[in-house]
Each structure stands twice: as C-alpha cells, then as structure tokens.
Amino acid sequence: MSAEEPENADAPEDDEDLRYFVRIGQTDLDGTKSVERALMELNGIGQRAARIISDKAGVDRRATFGRLEDDEIDEVVGVVEGFADEVPDWLANHQNDFFSGETTHEIGNDLELTRRQDINRMKMIDSYKGVRHKRGQKVRGQRTKSTGRTEGTIGVNVEAIKEEQAEEAAGEEGGEE
C-alpha cells in the first residue's frame, strides 16, 4: 500500500455525497444508517418488512441509506408506499378494513390514526373489545386476577403509615409548646 492511498476508501472526503436525512412520507430517516436500520425507524415497518423492501427495491440492505443514488431511493420509496400490494395479506398490518374491506399496510402517522379510529369504532358499537378499552382493562385475553392492577396498592402501605405517624408526632410536638 502506497502512502498516497487512503486506508479506508469510504473516508470523510465522500461526506459531500452523503444525504443525512432521507424523507419517506412525513418521516425523516437517518441517512447515516444502513437501509434496513433506517427503514425500521418508520412506524409500521419492522425488521422483516425492511428486509423485504430492500430486496424488492433491488438495494443492498447493508448499504448506507444516504449514499444511495436518487433513483434507488425513489425505488425504495415506491416499494414502501405499495408494500401491501407486494406482500401476502397476512404480512400487512391493516387487514380487511371495516368500511372498504381492503388490506393495506399503514406506515408513519397513518398507522396511529387508523388504530385510534378502529378503537373508537369498537367503543361506539359497544363490542366486547370496545367495552374493555372503555374500562381500561386488558383486551386480548390476558390474566387479570393478579396483574394489570392500577388502582392503589394491595396489602399494607408501610410508607403511608410512617407518614401518618410522622404527622401525628409533629402535631403532638406543636401542641406541647
């Protein structure tokens, strides 16, 4: 190796080619991470979905996301937006929509909005799950006999007893003077 050749070909000279932020939908993704890791920052996309997206887009999942060419980034964005069409229905996160019957894959803010609408609809029609949501109880069949207790403490609250004793002692001292 000669003295002129840098040890690392991806030295800081290439930083002008790096896009630090890549925007997909309403979310800015970190361009310094790999494609797979950056896509996992999107709500609604996990590791498996990120790997499928990078494969369908024809991009190396370990490549730095900000160093990709514009057409490669556009391809990734296209696959993310049409993810429900590319994968089987069981992999999509919003199957059989109540109103349209379609299977979609929601990402970003749309996922939270859709989830909230589904819960509100269940509450309005007083379905079993809706009633459980209203009461703040567990919805998916978990045990409730010994877990999920949010109301106060169970058993003896030693701290409250000590505070009461301290207040009584302070009241007695103030009364003696």
N, C-alpha and C. Protein backbone atom coordinates (compact mmCIF):
# COMPACT_ATOMS: atom_id res chain seq x y z
N MET A 1 0.85 -1.17 0.00
CA MET A 1 0.00 0.00 0.00
C MET A 1 0.90 1.23 0.00
N SER A 2 0.64 2.14 -0.92
CA SER A 2 1.47 3.33 -1.01
C SER A 2 0.98 4.38 -0.02
N ALA A 3 1.80 5.41 0.12
CA ALA A 3 1.49 6.45 1.10
C ALA A 3 0.33 7.31 0.65
N GLU A 4 0.10 7.40 -0.70
CA GLU A 4 -0.98 8.26 -1.19
C GLU A 4 -2.36 7.64 -1.02
N GLU A 5 -2.44 6.30 -1.05
CA GLU A 5 -3.73 5.64 -0.97
C GLU A 5 -4.27 5.68 0.47
N PRO A 6 -5.50 6.11 0.64
CA PRO A 6 -6.07 6.08 1.99
C PRO A 6 -6.37 4.64 2.39
N GLU A 7 -6.30 4.40 3.67
CA GLU A 7 -6.56 3.06 4.19
C GLU A 7 -8.03 2.67 3.98
N ASN A 8 -8.91 3.63 4.20
CA ASN A 8 -10.34 3.37 4.07
C ASN A 8 -10.86 4.14 2.86
N ALA A 9 -11.44 3.44 1.91
CA ALA A 9 -11.94 4.10 0.71
C ALA A 9 -13.14 4.99 1.03
N ASP A 10 -13.91 4.68 2.06
CA ASP A 10 -15.05 5.50 2.44
C ASP A 10 -14.64 6.52 3.50
N ALA A 11 -13.62 7.25 3.18
CA ALA A 11 -13.07 8.25 4.10
C ALA A 11 -13.98 9.48 4.12
N PRO A 12 -13.72 10.42 5.02
CA PRO A 12 -14.57 11.61 5.13
C PRO A 12 -14.65 12.46 3.87
N GLU A 13 -13.79 12.21 2.84
CA GLU A 13 -13.90 13.00 1.62
C GLU A 13 -15.24 12.76 0.93
N ASP A 14 -15.81 11.58 1.13
CA ASP A 14 -17.07 11.24 0.48
C ASP A 14 -18.28 11.78 1.23
N ASP A 15 -18.08 12.55 2.29
CA ASP A 15 -19.19 13.05 3.08
C ASP A 15 -20.08 14.01 2.30
N GLU A 16 -19.56 14.63 1.23
CA GLU A 16 -20.43 15.54 0.47
C GLU A 16 -21.48 14.75 -0.31
N ASP A 17 -21.25 13.46 -0.58
CA ASP A 17 -22.22 12.63 -1.27
C ASP A 17 -23.29 12.09 -0.33
N LEU A 18 -23.08 12.16 0.96
CA LEU A 18 -23.97 11.58 1.95
C LEU A 18 -25.15 12.50 2.21
N ARG A 19 -26.36 11.96 2.08
CA ARG A 19 -27.56 12.69 2.47
C ARG A 19 -27.88 12.28 3.89
N TYR A 20 -27.84 13.22 4.82
CA TYR A 20 -28.03 12.89 6.22
C TYR A 20 -29.47 12.56 6.55
N PHE A 21 -30.41 13.11 5.78
CA PHE A 21 -31.82 12.82 6.01
C PHE A 21 -32.45 12.41 4.70
N VAL A 22 -33.23 11.32 4.74
CA VAL A 22 -33.98 10.86 3.58
C VAL A 22 -35.44 10.86 4.02
N ARG A 23 -36.29 11.55 3.24
CA ARG A 23 -37.69 11.71 3.64
C ARG A 23 -38.56 10.68 2.93
N ILE A 24 -39.31 9.92 3.73
CA ILE A 24 -40.31 8.99 3.22
C ILE A 24 -41.61 9.31 3.93
N GLY A 25 -42.62 9.70 3.16
CA GLY A 25 -43.89 10.10 3.76
C GLY A 25 -43.69 11.38 4.55
N GLN A 26 -44.08 11.37 5.82
CA GLN A 26 -43.88 12.54 6.69
C GLN A 26 -42.73 12.31 7.66
N THR A 27 -41.87 11.33 7.38
CA THR A 27 -40.82 10.97 8.32
C THR A 27 -39.45 11.17 7.69
N ASP A 28 -38.54 11.78 8.44
CA ASP A 28 -37.15 11.89 8.02
C ASP A 28 -36.39 10.71 8.58
N LEU A 29 -35.75 9.95 7.69
CA LEU A 29 -34.97 8.80 8.11
C LEU A 29 -33.50 9.17 8.14
N ASP A 30 -32.75 8.53 9.01
CA ASP A 30 -31.33 8.79 9.19
C ASP A 30 -30.56 8.22 8.01
N GLY A 31 -29.88 9.08 7.26
CA GLY A 31 -29.13 8.65 6.09
C GLY A 31 -27.79 8.03 6.41
N THR A 32 -27.35 8.12 7.66
CA THR A 32 -26.05 7.55 8.03
C THR A 32 -26.16 6.08 8.39
N LYS A 33 -27.38 5.57 8.53
CA LYS A 33 -27.59 4.16 8.89
C LYS A 33 -27.74 3.31 7.64
N SER A 34 -27.73 2.00 7.83
CA SER A 34 -27.96 1.10 6.71
C SER A 34 -29.42 1.20 6.28
N VAL A 35 -29.71 0.72 5.07
CA VAL A 35 -31.06 0.82 4.54
C VAL A 35 -32.05 0.12 5.47
N GLU A 36 -31.68 -1.08 5.92
CA GLU A 36 -32.57 -1.85 6.79
C GLU A 36 -32.83 -1.13 8.11
N ARG A 37 -31.79 -0.62 8.74
CA ARG A 37 -31.95 0.07 10.03
C ARG A 37 -32.74 1.37 9.87
N ALA A 38 -32.50 2.10 8.80
CA ALA A 38 -33.21 3.36 8.59
C ALA A 38 -34.70 3.10 8.36
N LEU A 39 -35.03 2.08 7.58
CA LEU A 39 -36.44 1.78 7.31
C LEU A 39 -37.16 1.34 8.57
N MET A 40 -36.44 0.70 9.49
CA MET A 40 -37.07 0.25 10.73
C MET A 40 -37.48 1.41 11.64
N GLU A 41 -36.99 2.62 11.36
CA GLU A 41 -37.39 3.79 12.14
C GLU A 41 -38.82 4.22 11.81
N LEU A 42 -39.32 3.81 10.65
CA LEU A 42 -40.68 4.15 10.27
C LEU A 42 -41.66 3.34 11.11
N ASN A 43 -42.70 3.97 11.64
CA ASN A 43 -43.75 3.23 12.34
C ASN A 43 -44.46 2.33 11.34
N GLY A 44 -44.61 1.06 11.68
CA GLY A 44 -45.29 0.13 10.81
C GLY A 44 -44.35 -0.73 9.99
N ILE A 45 -43.05 -0.49 10.09
CA ILE A 45 -42.07 -1.30 9.36
C ILE A 45 -41.08 -1.86 10.36
N GLY A 46 -41.05 -3.18 10.44
CA GLY A 46 -40.13 -3.87 11.32
C GLY A 46 -38.97 -4.44 10.52
N GLN A 47 -38.23 -5.34 11.14
CA GLN A 47 -37.05 -5.89 10.50
C GLN A 47 -37.40 -6.72 9.27
N ARG A 48 -38.41 -7.56 9.38
CA ARG A 48 -38.79 -8.41 8.24
C ARG A 48 -39.27 -7.54 7.08
N ALA A 49 -40.11 -6.56 7.36
CA ALA A 49 -40.64 -5.70 6.29
C ALA A 49 -39.51 -4.89 5.66
N ALA A 50 -38.56 -4.40 6.46
CA ALA A 50 -37.44 -3.63 5.92
C ALA A 50 -36.58 -4.50 5.00
N ARG A 51 -36.39 -5.74 5.38
CA ARG A 51 -35.59 -6.65 4.55
C ARG A 51 -36.32 -6.94 3.24
N ILE A 52 -37.62 -7.15 3.28
CA ILE A 52 -38.40 -7.40 2.07
C ILE A 52 -38.38 -6.18 1.16
N ILE A 53 -38.50 -4.99 1.74
CA ILE A 53 -38.50 -3.76 0.95
C ILE A 53 -37.17 -3.58 0.23
N SER A 54 -36.07 -3.80 0.94
CA SER A 54 -34.77 -3.63 0.29
C SER A 54 -34.56 -4.67 -0.80
N ASP A 55 -35.06 -5.89 -0.60
CA ASP A 55 -34.94 -6.92 -1.64
C ASP A 55 -35.78 -6.56 -2.87
N LYS A 56 -37.03 -6.13 -2.65
CA LYS A 56 -37.92 -5.78 -3.77
C LYS A 56 -37.39 -4.57 -4.54
N ALA A 57 -36.73 -3.64 -3.84
CA ALA A 57 -36.20 -2.45 -4.50
C ALA A 57 -34.87 -2.73 -5.20
N GLY A 58 -34.27 -3.88 -4.92
CA GLY A 58 -33.00 -4.23 -5.54
C GLY A 58 -31.83 -3.47 -4.95
N VAL A 59 -31.91 -3.18 -3.66
CA VAL A 59 -30.89 -2.40 -2.96
C VAL A 59 -30.25 -3.30 -1.90
N ASP A 60 -28.94 -3.17 -1.72
CA ASP A 60 -28.27 -3.91 -0.66
C ASP A 60 -28.75 -3.36 0.68
N ARG A 61 -29.26 -4.24 1.54
CA ARG A 61 -29.83 -3.78 2.81
C ARG A 61 -28.78 -3.27 3.77
N ARG A 62 -27.51 -3.61 3.54
CA ARG A 62 -26.43 -3.14 4.42
C ARG A 62 -25.77 -1.87 3.91
N ALA A 63 -26.18 -1.38 2.73
CA ALA A 63 -25.61 -0.15 2.18
C ALA A 63 -26.09 1.04 3.01
N THR A 64 -25.27 2.07 3.07
CA THR A 64 -25.66 3.29 3.78
C THR A 64 -26.76 3.98 3.00
N PHE A 65 -27.85 4.29 3.69
CA PHE A 65 -29.05 4.81 3.03
C PHE A 65 -28.79 6.16 2.36
N GLY A 66 -28.01 7.03 2.98
CA GLY A 66 -27.76 8.36 2.44
C GLY A 66 -26.83 8.37 1.25
N ARG A 67 -26.10 7.29 1.01
CA ARG A 67 -25.17 7.22 -0.12
C ARG A 67 -25.81 6.62 -1.37
N LEU A 68 -27.06 6.17 -1.29
CA LEU A 68 -27.73 5.61 -2.46
C LEU A 68 -28.00 6.69 -3.49
N GLU A 69 -28.09 6.28 -4.74
CA GLU A 69 -28.45 7.20 -5.82
C GLU A 69 -29.91 7.61 -5.67
N ASP A 70 -30.28 8.71 -6.31
CA ASP A 70 -31.64 9.21 -6.21
C ASP A 70 -32.66 8.22 -6.76
N ASP A 71 -32.32 7.55 -7.87
CA ASP A 71 -33.27 6.61 -8.44
C ASP A 71 -33.44 5.38 -7.54
N GLU A 72 -32.40 4.98 -6.82
CA GLU A 72 -32.52 3.87 -5.87
C GLU A 72 -33.39 4.26 -4.69
N ILE A 73 -33.23 5.49 -4.21
CA ILE A 73 -34.07 5.97 -3.10
C ILE A 73 -35.52 6.06 -3.54
N ASP A 74 -35.75 6.55 -4.77
CA ASP A 74 -37.11 6.61 -5.29
C ASP A 74 -37.73 5.22 -5.40
N GLU A 75 -36.92 4.23 -5.77
CA GLU A 75 -37.40 2.86 -5.87
C GLU A 75 -37.81 2.34 -4.48
N VAL A 76 -36.99 2.65 -3.45
CA VAL A 76 -37.31 2.24 -2.08
C VAL A 76 -38.60 2.91 -1.63
N VAL A 77 -38.76 4.20 -1.92
CA VAL A 77 -39.97 4.92 -1.54
C VAL A 77 -41.19 4.31 -2.23
N GLY A 78 -41.05 3.97 -3.49
CA GLY A 78 -42.15 3.35 -4.22
C GLY A 78 -42.56 2.01 -3.64
N VAL A 79 -41.58 1.21 -3.25
CA VAL A 79 -41.89 -0.10 -2.66
C VAL A 79 -42.55 0.09 -1.29
N VAL A 80 -42.09 1.07 -0.50
CA VAL A 80 -42.69 1.33 0.82
C VAL A 80 -44.15 1.74 0.65
N GLU A 81 -44.43 2.61 -0.31
CA GLU A 81 -45.80 3.09 -0.49
C GLU A 81 -46.72 1.99 -1.03
N GLY A 82 -46.19 1.07 -1.83
CA GLY A 82 -47.00 0.00 -2.36
C GLY A 82 -46.73 -1.33 -1.70
N PHE A 83 -46.36 -1.31 -0.42
CA PHE A 83 -45.93 -2.52 0.28
C PHE A 83 -47.04 -3.56 0.36
N ALA A 84 -48.28 -3.12 0.58
CA ALA A 84 -49.39 -4.07 0.73
C ALA A 84 -49.63 -4.84 -0.56
N ASP A 85 -49.32 -4.24 -1.71
CA ASP A 85 -49.51 -4.92 -2.99
C ASP A 85 -48.40 -5.93 -3.26
N GLU A 86 -47.23 -5.71 -2.65
CA GLU A 86 -46.06 -6.55 -2.92
C GLU A 86 -46.02 -7.81 -2.06
N VAL A 87 -46.72 -7.82 -0.93
CA VAL A 87 -46.59 -8.92 0.03
C VAL A 87 -47.93 -9.62 0.20
N PRO A 88 -47.92 -10.83 0.77
CA PRO A 88 -49.19 -11.51 1.06
C PRO A 88 -50.00 -10.75 2.11
N ASP A 89 -51.29 -11.00 2.13
CA ASP A 89 -52.19 -10.28 3.04
C ASP A 89 -51.82 -10.47 4.50
N TRP A 90 -51.31 -11.64 4.87
CA TRP A 90 -51.02 -11.89 6.27
C TRP A 90 -49.86 -11.05 6.79
N LEU A 91 -49.07 -10.46 5.89
CA LEU A 91 -47.95 -9.64 6.32
C LEU A 91 -48.32 -8.17 6.47
N ALA A 92 -49.45 -7.76 5.90
CA ALA A 92 -49.89 -6.37 6.01
C ALA A 92 -50.43 -6.11 7.41
N ASN A 93 -50.34 -4.86 7.88
CA ASN A 93 -50.72 -4.57 9.25
C ASN A 93 -52.16 -4.08 9.42
N HIS A 94 -52.92 -3.90 8.34
CA HIS A 94 -54.32 -3.49 8.48
C HIS A 94 -55.14 -4.29 7.47
N GLN A 95 -55.59 -5.44 7.90
CA GLN A 95 -56.28 -6.37 7.01
C GLN A 95 -57.78 -6.17 7.07
N ASN A 96 -58.42 -6.29 5.93
CA ASN A 96 -59.88 -6.24 5.82
C ASN A 96 -60.46 -5.02 6.54
N ASP A 97 -60.20 -3.85 6.00
CA ASP A 97 -60.71 -2.61 6.56
C ASP A 97 -62.23 -2.70 6.72
N PHE A 98 -62.77 -2.14 7.80
CA PHE A 98 -64.19 -2.27 8.11
C PHE A 98 -65.06 -1.66 7.02
N PHE A 99 -64.67 -0.52 6.50
CA PHE A 99 -65.51 0.19 5.54
C PHE A 99 -65.27 -0.27 4.11
N SER A 100 -64.00 -0.43 3.70
CA SER A 100 -63.71 -0.76 2.31
C SER A 100 -63.43 -2.24 2.09
N GLY A 101 -63.05 -2.96 3.13
CA GLY A 101 -62.72 -4.37 3.00
C GLY A 101 -61.35 -4.62 2.43
N GLU A 102 -60.59 -3.57 2.17
CA GLU A 102 -59.27 -3.72 1.57
C GLU A 102 -58.22 -4.04 2.62
N THR A 103 -57.13 -4.63 2.16
CA THR A 103 -55.99 -4.87 3.02
C THR A 103 -54.92 -3.85 2.68
N THR A 104 -54.50 -3.08 3.67
CA THR A 104 -53.49 -2.06 3.45
C THR A 104 -52.36 -2.24 4.46
N HIS A 105 -51.26 -1.57 4.19
CA HIS A 105 -50.15 -1.56 5.15
C HIS A 105 -49.91 -0.09 5.49
N GLU A 106 -50.28 0.29 6.69
CA GLU A 106 -50.16 1.69 7.12
C GLU A 106 -48.77 1.94 7.68
N ILE A 107 -48.23 3.11 7.39
CA ILE A 107 -46.92 3.49 7.94
C ILE A 107 -47.01 4.91 8.48
N GLY A 108 -46.09 5.24 9.38
CA GLY A 108 -45.99 6.59 9.91
C GLY A 108 -47.19 6.99 10.74
N ASN A 109 -47.61 8.24 10.56
CA ASN A 109 -48.74 8.78 11.33
C ASN A 109 -50.05 8.11 10.97
N ASP A 110 -50.16 7.60 9.74
CA ASP A 110 -51.40 6.96 9.31
C ASP A 110 -51.70 5.72 10.15
N LEU A 111 -50.66 5.03 10.59
CA LEU A 111 -50.85 3.83 11.41
C LEU A 111 -51.52 4.17 12.73
N GLU A 112 -51.03 5.20 13.41
CA GLU A 112 -51.62 5.59 14.70
C GLU A 112 -53.05 6.11 14.51
N LEU A 113 -53.28 6.87 13.44
CA LEU A 113 -54.61 7.40 13.17
C LEU A 113 -55.60 6.28 12.89
N THR A 114 -55.21 5.31 12.09
CA THR A 114 -56.08 4.18 11.77
C THR A 114 -56.38 3.36 13.01
N ARG A 115 -55.37 3.13 13.82
CA ARG A 115 -55.54 2.36 15.05
C ARG A 115 -56.52 3.04 15.99
N ARG A 116 -56.37 4.36 16.15
CA ARG A 116 -57.26 5.12 17.03
C ARG A 116 -58.70 5.08 16.51
N GLN A 117 -58.87 5.18 15.18
CA GLN A 117 -60.22 5.12 14.61
C GLN A 117 -60.86 3.75 14.85
N ASP A 118 -60.08 2.69 14.70
CA ASP A 118 -60.62 1.35 14.94
C ASP A 118 -61.06 1.17 16.38
N ILE A 119 -60.26 1.67 17.32
CA ILE A 119 -60.61 1.55 18.74
C ILE A 119 -61.86 2.37 19.05
N ASN A 120 -61.95 3.59 18.49
CA ASN A 120 -63.14 4.42 18.73
C ASN A 120 -64.39 3.77 18.16
N ARG A 121 -64.28 3.13 16.99
CA ARG A 121 -65.43 2.44 16.41
C ARG A 121 -65.88 1.30 17.31
N MET A 122 -64.92 0.53 17.85
CA MET A 122 -65.28 -0.57 18.76
C MET A 122 -65.96 -0.03 20.02
N LYS A 123 -65.49 1.12 20.52
CA LYS A 123 -66.13 1.71 21.71
C LYS A 123 -67.54 2.16 21.40
N MET A 124 -67.75 2.75 20.22
CA MET A 124 -69.07 3.27 19.87
C MET A 124 -70.10 2.16 19.71
N ILE A 125 -69.71 1.04 19.14
CA ILE A 125 -70.69 -0.04 18.93
C ILE A 125 -70.77 -0.97 20.12
N ASP A 126 -70.03 -0.67 21.16
CA ASP A 126 -70.04 -1.45 22.40
C ASP A 126 -69.74 -2.92 22.16
N SER A 127 -68.73 -3.17 21.33
CA SER A 127 -68.28 -4.55 21.19
C SER A 127 -67.53 -4.94 22.47
N TYR A 128 -67.27 -6.23 22.62
CA TYR A 128 -66.58 -6.69 23.82
C TYR A 128 -65.24 -5.98 23.98
N LYS A 129 -64.48 -5.93 22.88
CA LYS A 129 -63.18 -5.26 22.95
C LYS A 129 -63.34 -3.76 23.23
N GLY A 130 -64.39 -3.15 22.69
CA GLY A 130 -64.63 -1.74 22.94
C GLY A 130 -64.95 -1.46 24.40
N VAL A 131 -65.75 -2.33 25.01
CA VAL A 131 -66.08 -2.17 26.42
C VAL A 131 -64.82 -2.30 27.26
N ARG A 132 -63.96 -3.27 26.94
CA ARG A 132 -62.70 -3.45 27.67
C ARG A 132 -61.82 -2.21 27.53
N HIS A 133 -61.77 -1.64 26.30
CA HIS A 133 -60.99 -0.42 26.10
C HIS A 133 -61.56 0.73 26.95
N LYS A 134 -62.89 0.87 26.99
CA LYS A 134 -63.52 1.93 27.77
C LYS A 134 -63.15 1.84 29.23
N ARG A 135 -63.18 0.61 29.76
CA ARG A 135 -62.91 0.42 31.18
C ARG A 135 -61.42 0.47 31.51
N GLY A 136 -60.57 0.45 30.50
CA GLY A 136 -59.13 0.44 30.75
C GLY A 136 -58.62 -0.92 31.16
N GLN A 137 -59.36 -1.97 30.81
CA GLN A 137 -58.95 -3.33 31.17
C GLN A 137 -58.20 -3.97 30.01
N LYS A 138 -57.63 -5.13 30.28
CA LYS A 138 -56.90 -5.85 29.24
C LYS A 138 -57.88 -6.34 28.19
N VAL A 139 -57.45 -6.29 26.92
CA VAL A 139 -58.36 -6.54 25.82
C VAL A 139 -58.14 -7.91 25.19
N ARG A 140 -56.94 -8.42 25.23
CA ARG A 140 -56.61 -9.60 24.43
C ARG A 140 -56.56 -10.90 25.22
N GLY A 141 -57.35 -11.02 26.25
CA GLY A 141 -57.48 -12.28 26.95
C GLY A 141 -56.40 -12.58 27.96
N GLN A 142 -55.65 -11.56 28.38
CA GLN A 142 -54.62 -11.81 29.38
C GLN A 142 -55.25 -12.01 30.75
N ARG A 143 -54.46 -12.52 31.66
CA ARG A 143 -54.93 -12.71 33.03
C ARG A 143 -55.12 -11.35 33.71
N THR A 144 -56.15 -11.27 34.53
CA THR A 144 -56.38 -10.03 35.26
C THR A 144 -56.50 -10.25 36.76
N LYS A 145 -56.42 -11.51 37.18
CA LYS A 145 -56.58 -11.78 38.61
C LYS A 145 -55.43 -11.19 39.41
N SER A 146 -54.23 -11.34 38.90
CA SER A 146 -53.08 -10.90 39.69
C SER A 146 -52.25 -9.81 39.01
N THR A 147 -52.53 -9.47 37.74
CA THR A 147 -51.74 -8.44 37.06
C THR A 147 -52.64 -7.36 36.50
N GLY A 148 -52.04 -6.28 36.08
CA GLY A 148 -52.79 -5.20 35.48
C GLY A 148 -53.55 -4.35 36.47
N ARG A 149 -53.13 -4.38 37.70
CA ARG A 149 -53.84 -3.60 38.73
C ARG A 149 -53.28 -2.20 38.76
N THR A 150 -54.14 -1.25 38.55
CA THR A 150 -53.70 0.14 38.55
C THR A 150 -54.28 0.93 39.70
N GLU A 151 -55.23 0.38 40.42
CA GLU A 151 -55.91 1.10 41.48
C GLU A 151 -55.19 0.91 42.80
N GLY A 152 -54.45 1.89 43.23
CA GLY A 152 -53.84 1.87 44.56
C GLY A 152 -52.92 0.71 44.82
N THR A 153 -52.61 0.50 46.08
CA THR A 153 -51.71 -0.59 46.45
C THR A 153 -52.51 -1.71 47.08
N ILE A 154 -51.93 -2.88 47.02
CA ILE A 154 -52.56 -4.05 47.60
C ILE A 154 -51.74 -4.44 48.82
N GLY A 155 -52.40 -4.70 49.92
CA GLY A 155 -51.67 -5.05 51.12
C GLY A 155 -51.44 -3.83 51.99
N VAL A 156 -50.38 -3.88 52.78
CA VAL A 156 -50.08 -2.82 53.73
C VAL A 156 -49.15 -1.82 53.07
N ASN A 157 -49.52 -0.54 53.14
CA ASN A 157 -48.69 0.52 52.60
C ASN A 157 -47.87 1.09 53.75
N VAL A 158 -46.64 0.62 53.90
CA VAL A 158 -45.79 0.99 55.03
C VAL A 158 -45.44 2.47 54.98
N GLU A 159 -45.20 3.00 53.78
CA GLU A 159 -44.82 4.41 53.66
C GLU A 159 -45.94 5.32 54.16
N ALA A 160 -47.19 5.00 53.82
CA ALA A 160 -48.31 5.83 54.26
C ALA A 160 -48.44 5.79 55.78
N ILE A 161 -48.23 4.64 56.39
CA ILE A 161 -48.31 4.51 57.84
C ILE A 161 -47.21 5.35 58.50
N LYS A 162 -45.99 5.30 57.96
CA LYS A 162 -44.89 6.10 58.52
C LYS A 162 -45.17 7.58 58.38
N GLU A 163 -45.75 8.02 57.26
CA GLU A 163 -46.07 9.43 57.08
C GLU A 163 -47.12 9.87 58.10
N GLU A 164 -48.14 9.04 58.32
CA GLU A 164 -49.17 9.37 59.30
C GLU A 164 -48.58 9.48 60.69
N GLN A 165 -47.68 8.55 61.05
CA GLN A 165 -47.04 8.60 62.37
C GLN A 165 -46.19 9.85 62.51
N ALA A 166 -45.50 10.24 61.44
CA ALA A 166 -44.66 11.44 61.49
C ALA A 166 -45.54 12.69 61.65
N GLU A 167 -46.68 12.74 60.97
CA GLU A 167 -47.58 13.87 61.11
C GLU A 167 -48.16 13.94 62.52
N GLU A 168 -48.52 12.78 63.09
CA GLU A 168 -49.05 12.77 64.47
C GLU A 168 -47.99 13.23 65.45
N ALA A 169 -46.74 12.78 65.24
CA ALA A 169 -45.65 13.19 66.15
C ALA A 169 -45.40 14.69 66.03
N ALA A 170 -45.47 15.22 64.83
CA ALA A 170 -45.26 16.66 64.63
C ALA A 170 -46.41 17.44 65.25
N GLY A 171 -47.62 16.92 65.16
CA GLY A 171 -48.77 17.59 65.76
C GLY A 171 -48.69 17.59 67.27
N GLU A 172 -48.20 16.51 67.88
CA GLU A 172 -48.06 16.44 69.33
C GLU A 172 -46.98 17.40 69.82
N GLU A 173 -45.89 17.50 69.07
CA GLU A 173 -44.81 18.41 69.48
C GLU A 173 -45.29 19.86 69.42
N GLY A 174 -46.07 20.16 68.37
CA GLY A 174 -46.59 21.54 68.24
C GLY A 174 -47.61 21.85 69.33
N GLY A 175 -48.34 20.86 69.82
CA GLY A 175 -49.34 21.05 70.86
C GLY A 175 -48.72 21.22 72.22
N GLU A 176 -47.54 20.68 72.50
CA GLU A 176 -46.91 20.76 73.80
C GLU A 176 -46.35 22.13 74.07
N GLU A 177 -46.01 22.87 73.05
CA GLU A 177 -45.37 24.18 73.25
C GLU A 177 -46.27 25.21 73.73
